[in-house]
Protein backbone atom coordinates (compact mmCIF):
# COMPACT_ATOMS: atom_id res chain seq x y z
CA MET A 1 0.00 0.00 0.00
CA VAL A 2 1.20 3.52 -0.85
CA VAL A 3 0.12 6.42 1.36
CA THR A 4 0.80 9.93 0.11
CA GLY A 5 -0.29 13.52 0.69
CA ASN A 6 0.98 17.06 1.11
CA ASP A 7 0.00 17.30 4.80
CA PRO A 8 2.32 15.20 7.05
CA GLU A 9 -0.07 15.31 10.03
CA GLU A 10 -3.03 14.12 7.98
CA ARG A 11 -0.90 11.41 6.40
CA GLU A 12 0.26 10.14 9.80
CA ALA A 13 -3.31 10.21 11.09
CA LEU A 14 -4.45 8.09 8.14
CA GLN A 15 -1.62 5.61 8.70
CA GLY A 16 -2.56 5.40 12.37
CA HIS A 17 -6.20 4.71 11.53
CA LEU A 18 -5.27 2.00 9.02
CA SER A 19 -2.81 0.35 11.41
CA ARG A 20 -5.58 0.00 14.01
CA GLU A 21 -7.69 -1.93 11.50
CA PHE A 22 -4.96 -3.91 9.74
CA LYS A 23 -1.56 -5.32 10.58
CA MET A 24 0.87 -2.89 8.95
CA LYS A 25 4.58 -2.14 8.75
CA ASP A 26 5.90 1.29 7.79
CA LEU A 27 8.65 0.78 5.19
CA GLY A 28 9.55 4.46 5.01
CA PRO A 29 9.80 6.58 1.85
CA LEU A 30 8.61 4.79 -1.28
CA LYS A 31 11.45 3.16 -3.21
CA TYR A 32 9.96 0.06 -4.81
CA PHE A 33 6.35 -0.92 -5.47
CA LEU A 34 4.94 -3.72 -7.67
CA GLY A 35 8.11 -3.91 -9.73
CA ILE A 36 8.38 -0.14 -10.16
CA GLU A 37 11.45 1.63 -8.78
CA VAL A 38 11.03 5.17 -7.40
CA SER A 39 13.99 7.56 -7.18
CA ARG A 40 14.03 11.16 -5.94
CA SER A 41 16.39 14.04 -6.66
CA ASN A 42 16.31 17.82 -6.84
CA LYS A 43 15.09 17.42 -10.43
CA GLY A 44 11.97 15.46 -9.49
CA ILE A 45 10.66 11.90 -9.11
CA PHE A 46 11.85 9.16 -11.47
CA LEU A 47 9.94 5.93 -12.14
CA SER A 48 11.59 2.96 -13.83
CA GLN A 49 11.58 -0.86 -13.94
CA ARG A 50 15.28 -1.53 -14.37
CA LYS A 51 15.39 -4.67 -12.22
CA TYR A 52 12.34 -6.10 -14.01
CA ALA A 53 13.92 -5.39 -17.41
CA LEU A 54 17.26 -6.95 -16.45
CA ASP A 55 15.53 -10.01 -14.96
CA LEU A 56 13.56 -10.44 -18.20
CA LEU A 57 16.72 -10.19 -20.31
CA ARG A 58 18.45 -12.72 -18.07
CA GLU A 59 15.53 -15.19 -18.16
CA THR A 60 15.30 -15.00 -21.96
CA GLY A 61 19.05 -15.36 -22.49
CA MET A 62 19.28 -11.89 -24.05
CA LEU A 63 21.68 -10.23 -21.59
CA ALA A 64 24.55 -10.58 -24.06
CA CYS A 65 22.53 -9.62 -27.15
CA GLN A 66 23.46 -6.83 -29.56
CA PRO A 67 21.45 -3.71 -28.54
CA VAL A 68 19.47 -1.57 -31.01
CA ASP A 69 18.33 2.07 -30.88
CA THR A 70 14.60 1.56 -31.54
CA PRO A 71 12.06 -1.08 -30.47
CA VAL A 72 10.71 -1.39 -34.04
CA GLU A 73 12.71 -1.49 -37.25
CA GLU A 74 12.07 1.67 -39.29
CA GLY A 75 9.21 1.21 -41.76
CA LEU A 76 8.32 -2.29 -40.50
CA LYS A 77 4.85 -3.55 -41.46
CA LEU A 78 3.94 -6.85 -39.81
CA ARG A 79 1.36 -9.11 -41.42
CA ILE A 80 0.12 -12.70 -41.46
CA GLU A 81 1.76 -14.60 -44.32
CA SER A 82 0.09 -17.64 -45.88
CA ASN A 83 3.40 -19.53 -45.76
CA GLN A 84 4.79 -18.10 -42.52
CA VAL A 85 7.05 -20.22 -40.34
CA PRO A 86 5.18 -21.05 -37.08
CA VAL A 87 6.76 -20.47 -33.69
CA ASP A 88 6.01 -21.55 -30.11
CA LYS A 89 2.75 -19.68 -29.44
CA GLY A 90 2.98 -20.13 -25.67
CA ARG A 91 6.48 -18.62 -25.52
CA TYR A 92 5.41 -15.75 -27.76
CA GLN A 93 2.42 -14.95 -25.56
CA ARG A 94 4.49 -15.13 -22.36
CA LEU A 95 7.15 -12.78 -23.76
CA VAL A 96 4.61 -10.22 -24.95
CA GLY A 97 2.78 -10.42 -21.62
CA ARG A 98 6.00 -9.81 -19.67
CA LEU A 99 6.90 -6.89 -21.91
CA MET A 100 3.45 -5.33 -21.52
CA TYR A 101 4.04 -4.86 -17.79
CA LEU A 102 7.07 -2.75 -18.66
CA ALA A 103 4.82 -0.35 -20.58
CA HIS A 104 3.66 1.09 -17.22
CA THR A 105 6.83 3.19 -17.17
CA ARG A 106 7.99 2.76 -20.78
CA PRO A 107 5.83 4.68 -23.28
CA ASP A 108 8.66 4.12 -25.76
CA LEU A 109 7.48 0.48 -25.97
CA ALA A 110 3.80 1.24 -26.54
CA TYR A 111 3.70 1.11 -30.34
CA ALA A 112 5.93 -1.96 -30.60
CA LEU A 113 3.78 -3.85 -28.10
CA SER A 114 0.60 -2.68 -29.81
CA ILE A 115 1.61 -4.33 -33.08
CA VAL A 116 3.14 -7.56 -31.75
CA SER A 117 0.12 -8.16 -29.47
CA GLN A 118 -2.11 -8.32 -32.56
CA TYR A 119 -0.57 -11.69 -33.49
CA MET A 120 -0.94 -13.54 -30.19
CA HIS A 121 -3.27 -16.11 -31.78
CA ASN A 122 -1.09 -16.93 -34.78
CA PRO A 123 2.52 -15.77 -34.42
CA GLY A 124 5.10 -16.48 -37.09
CA GLU A 125 8.86 -16.15 -37.28
CA GLN A 126 8.69 -12.48 -38.35
CA HIS A 127 6.50 -11.68 -35.33
CA MET A 128 8.87 -13.45 -32.94
CA ASN A 129 11.79 -11.55 -34.47
CA ALA A 130 9.91 -8.31 -33.76
CA VAL A 131 9.49 -9.34 -30.10
CA LEU A 132 13.18 -10.23 -29.84
CA ARG A 133 14.05 -6.81 -31.26
CA ILE A 134 12.11 -5.21 -28.37
CA LEU A 135 14.32 -7.19 -25.99
CA ARG A 136 17.42 -6.00 -27.86
CA TYR A 137 16.15 -2.44 -27.48
CA LEU A 138 15.69 -3.04 -23.74
CA LYS A 139 19.34 -4.08 -23.55
CA SER A 140 20.34 -0.61 -24.83
CA ALA A 141 18.61 1.16 -21.90
CA PRO A 142 17.13 -1.15 -19.23
CA GLY A 143 16.89 1.70 -16.72
CA GLN A 144 14.91 4.04 -18.93
CA GLY A 145 11.84 5.57 -17.30
CA ILE A 146 9.79 8.71 -16.72
CA LEU A 147 10.92 11.82 -14.87
CA PHE A 148 8.24 13.91 -13.15
CA THR A 149 9.37 17.49 -12.51
CA LYS A 150 7.79 20.32 -10.54
CA ASN A 151 6.25 23.03 -12.70
CA GLU A 152 4.52 26.31 -11.92
CA ASP A 153 1.58 25.57 -14.23
CA HIS A 154 0.84 22.24 -12.58
CA GLN A 155 -2.87 22.13 -13.51
CA SER A 156 -2.53 22.43 -17.29
CA VAL A 157 -3.70 19.47 -19.39
CA ASP A 158 -2.15 19.05 -22.84
CA VAL A 159 -2.79 16.26 -25.33
CA TYR A 160 -1.00 15.23 -28.52
CA THR A 161 -2.99 13.01 -30.89
CA ASP A 162 -2.25 11.44 -34.23
CA ALA A 163 -3.37 8.60 -36.48
CA ASP A 164 -1.59 6.54 -39.13
CA TRP A 165 -4.21 6.09 -41.84
CA ALA A 166 -4.74 2.49 -43.06
CA GLY A 167 -1.34 1.46 -41.75
CA ALA A 168 -2.25 -2.15 -40.83
CA VAL A 169 -1.52 -4.36 -43.84
CA ASP A 170 -3.80 -7.24 -42.78
CA ASP A 171 -7.06 -5.26 -42.55
CA ARG A 172 -6.13 -1.64 -43.48
CA ARG A 173 -7.28 -0.28 -40.16
CA SER A 174 -5.63 2.85 -38.79
CA THR A 175 -3.64 3.24 -35.59
CA SER A 176 -4.48 6.04 -33.13
CA GLY A 177 -2.18 7.33 -30.44
CA TYR A 178 -2.10 9.98 -27.75
CA PHE A 179 0.17 11.41 -25.08
CA THR A 180 -1.39 13.40 -22.22
CA PHE A 181 0.54 15.79 -20.03
CA VAL A 182 -0.44 17.33 -16.68
CA GLY A 183 1.69 20.28 -15.64
CA GLY A 184 4.13 19.44 -18.42
CA ASN A 185 4.60 15.85 -17.19
CA LEU A 186 3.63 12.82 -19.23
CA VAL A 187 0.96 10.85 -17.34
CA THR A 188 -0.94 8.65 -19.82
CA TRP A 189 -0.36 7.31 -23.32
CA ARG A 190 -1.88 4.81 -25.71
CA SER A 191 -1.28 3.23 -29.08
CA LYS A 192 -4.41 1.49 -30.38
CA LYS A 193 -5.60 0.07 -33.66
CA GLN A 194 -8.99 1.55 -34.55
CA ASN A 195 -12.03 -0.74 -34.45
CA VAL A 196 -13.25 0.07 -37.97
CA VAL A 197 -11.65 0.87 -41.32
CA ALA A 198 -11.32 4.63 -41.89
CA ARG A 199 -12.27 5.74 -45.41
CA SER A 200 -10.12 8.88 -45.28
CA SER A 201 -7.20 10.32 -43.35
CA ALA A 202 -9.61 12.89 -41.86
CA GLU A 203 -11.79 10.10 -40.47
CA ALA A 204 -8.77 8.40 -38.92
CA GLU A 205 -7.66 11.71 -37.38
CA PHE A 206 -11.14 12.46 -35.98
CA ARG A 207 -11.28 9.08 -34.29
CA GLY A 208 -7.83 9.70 -32.83
CA ILE A 209 -8.78 13.19 -31.61
CA ALA A 210 -12.00 11.90 -30.01
CA LEU A 211 -9.97 9.24 -28.17
CA GLY A 212 -7.58 11.92 -26.89
CA VAL A 213 -10.41 14.25 -25.83
CA CYS A 214 -12.07 11.48 -23.80
CA GLU A 215 -8.79 10.74 -22.01
CA ALA A 216 -8.21 14.44 -21.28
CA LEU A 217 -11.74 14.90 -19.90
CA TRP A 218 -11.22 11.91 -17.60
CA LEU A 219 -7.93 13.40 -16.39
CA ARG A 220 -9.62 16.72 -15.72
CA LEU A 221 -12.28 15.03 -13.58
CA LEU A 222 -9.57 13.12 -11.71
CA LEU A 223 -7.76 16.38 -10.96
CA GLN A 224 -11.02 17.88 -9.68
CA ASP A 225 -11.47 14.91 -7.33
CA LEU A 226 -7.95 15.63 -6.04
CA GLY A 227 -8.88 19.26 -5.38
CA CYS A 228 -7.16 20.73 -8.45
CA VAL A 229 -9.87 22.69 -10.23
CA SER A 230 -8.58 24.30 -13.41
CA LYS A 231 -10.47 26.65 -15.70
CA GLN A 232 -7.80 26.44 -18.38
CA PRO A 233 -8.94 24.83 -21.63
CA ILE A 234 -7.39 21.52 -22.58
CA LYS A 235 -4.92 22.02 -25.43
CA LEU A 236 -5.10 19.21 -27.96
CA TYR A 237 -2.34 19.33 -30.57
CA CYS A 238 -2.96 17.93 -34.06
CA ASP A 239 -0.68 18.07 -37.12
CA ASN A 240 -3.44 17.65 -39.73
CA LYS A 241 -4.53 21.18 -40.65
CA ALA A 242 -7.51 20.02 -42.73
CA THR A 243 -8.86 18.11 -39.74
CA CYS A 244 -8.39 21.14 -37.46
CA ASP A 245 -10.25 23.35 -39.96
CA ILE A 246 -13.15 20.91 -40.34
CA ALA A 247 -13.44 20.54 -36.55
CA HIS A 248 -13.84 24.32 -36.17
CA ASN A 249 -16.27 24.64 -39.08
CA PRO A 250 -19.91 23.76 -38.21
CA VAL A 251 -20.88 23.32 -41.88
CA GLN A 252 -21.60 19.71 -42.88
CA HIS A 253 -18.86 18.23 -45.08
CA ASP A 254 -19.69 15.39 -47.47
CA ARG A 255 -16.28 13.87 -46.86
CA THR A 256 -16.92 13.52 -43.10
CA LYS A 257 -20.60 12.49 -42.94
CA HIS A 258 -19.57 9.02 -41.84
CA VAL A 259 -17.75 10.38 -38.77
CA GLU A 260 -20.21 13.07 -37.77
CA ILE A 261 -20.63 11.74 -34.21
CA ASP A 262 -16.93 12.21 -33.47
CA ARG A 263 -16.93 15.52 -35.35
CA PHE A 264 -19.88 16.95 -33.40
CA PHE A 265 -18.46 15.67 -30.11
CA ILE A 266 -15.18 17.50 -30.78
CA LYS A 267 -17.01 20.62 -32.01
CA GLU A 268 -19.14 20.68 -28.85
CA LYS A 269 -16.04 20.72 -26.63
CA LEU A 270 -14.49 23.46 -28.79
CA ASP A 271 -17.64 25.61 -28.55
CA GLU A 272 -17.77 25.16 -24.78
CA LYS A 273 -14.14 26.35 -24.55
CA ILE A 274 -13.26 23.12 -22.79
CA VAL A 275 -10.84 22.18 -25.55
CA GLU A 276 -8.56 24.14 -27.85
CA LEU A 277 -7.23 22.55 -31.04
CA PRO A 278 -3.96 24.23 -32.04
CA HIS A 279 -2.19 22.98 -35.15
CA ILE A 280 1.45 21.89 -34.90
CA ARG A 281 4.04 21.01 -37.50
CA SER A 282 4.34 17.33 -38.41
CA GLU A 283 7.99 17.31 -37.36
CA ASP A 284 6.89 18.33 -33.83
CA GLN A 285 4.22 15.63 -33.52
CA LEU A 286 5.35 13.52 -30.57
CA VAL A 287 2.73 10.85 -31.22
CA ASP A 288 4.48 9.68 -34.39
CA ILE A 289 6.31 7.15 -32.20
CA LEU A 290 2.92 5.69 -31.17
CA THR A 291 1.53 5.26 -34.68
CA LYS A 292 4.42 4.25 -36.94
CA ALA A 293 7.93 2.79 -37.00
CA VAL A 294 10.15 5.90 -37.15
CA SER A 295 13.90 6.34 -37.59
CA SER A 296 16.27 6.26 -34.63
CA ARG A 297 16.93 10.00 -35.09
CA VAL A 298 13.24 10.91 -34.78
CA PHE A 299 12.73 8.39 -31.97
CA SER A 300 15.56 9.70 -29.77
CA LYS A 301 14.56 13.33 -30.41
CA PHE A 302 11.06 12.76 -29.05
CA LEU A 303 12.10 10.68 -26.02
CA SER A 304 13.75 13.63 -24.27
CA LYS A 305 10.74 15.85 -25.04
CA LEU A 306 8.51 13.26 -23.37
CA GLY A 307 10.58 13.27 -20.17
CA ILE A 308 11.93 9.76 -20.79
CA TRP A 309 15.45 9.29 -19.43
CA ASP A 310 17.86 6.64 -18.24
CA ILE A 311 19.39 7.93 -15.00
CA TYR A 312 21.65 4.88 -14.89
CA ALA A 313 23.28 5.65 -18.24
CA PRO A 314 26.84 7.04 -18.07
CA THR A 315 27.06 10.79 -18.72
């Protein structure tokens, strides 16, 4: 159990009340919880799963493997081949399951795990090679994690959303992704294949934006429950200018009739000043690493902007 709060007396009172009801032992400041390591410094609080990652590499015999800079090979498109070489399905599922737990502190693994998890029922050699590449990437930085820093504007909620239109080769569905930040710190992220086939890039983007808006609204309610009431609008960054223009324009567009529910939902939040939809350049779109296999240069550039570091790496 983790007990936290900004009032030491109230925190001690709560611990005292709980200890009267349950047998408890105070382990002091939080350092390790459910496989997650917690470190503190004057820069902030750092969460990582270094021990878990090293144990996984050791158990899979990958401690001595050749490391790589990205979890997914640039431009990789996995698919089911009619003549694919089968692999041990149980081992594949166990490896992916173990790696998924790492995603609690490793948003850099989200896209890679999103694509390999789609082949749990019928993995082939190419899919297993993709999983082994994730392990090789882990070898390059097992202690990588998220740094939470103190910021003045601690109640701001910012969201980056993107979608890769028809990127899945097997069924031509699109992949949505989002990063959400509270007070400049990354708190939630997701890479998810859309449930239906998008007939245009605008449709794929609208579905991605709607997913990001829902997550941001949930975060805002959570902050309110914690006593942080903010009147600032949620800033949702999108790199598709046409989609931004259509979202602001109440006129019906023939090309978006099939996504009008998402469009009207987004427009409603814009009209209520709950959400703002600023346009950003494609080269500044952080969510690219959640929707496609990018180059190592792009990947490393975005990691630092997301607050992802390896405090164990030599400087």
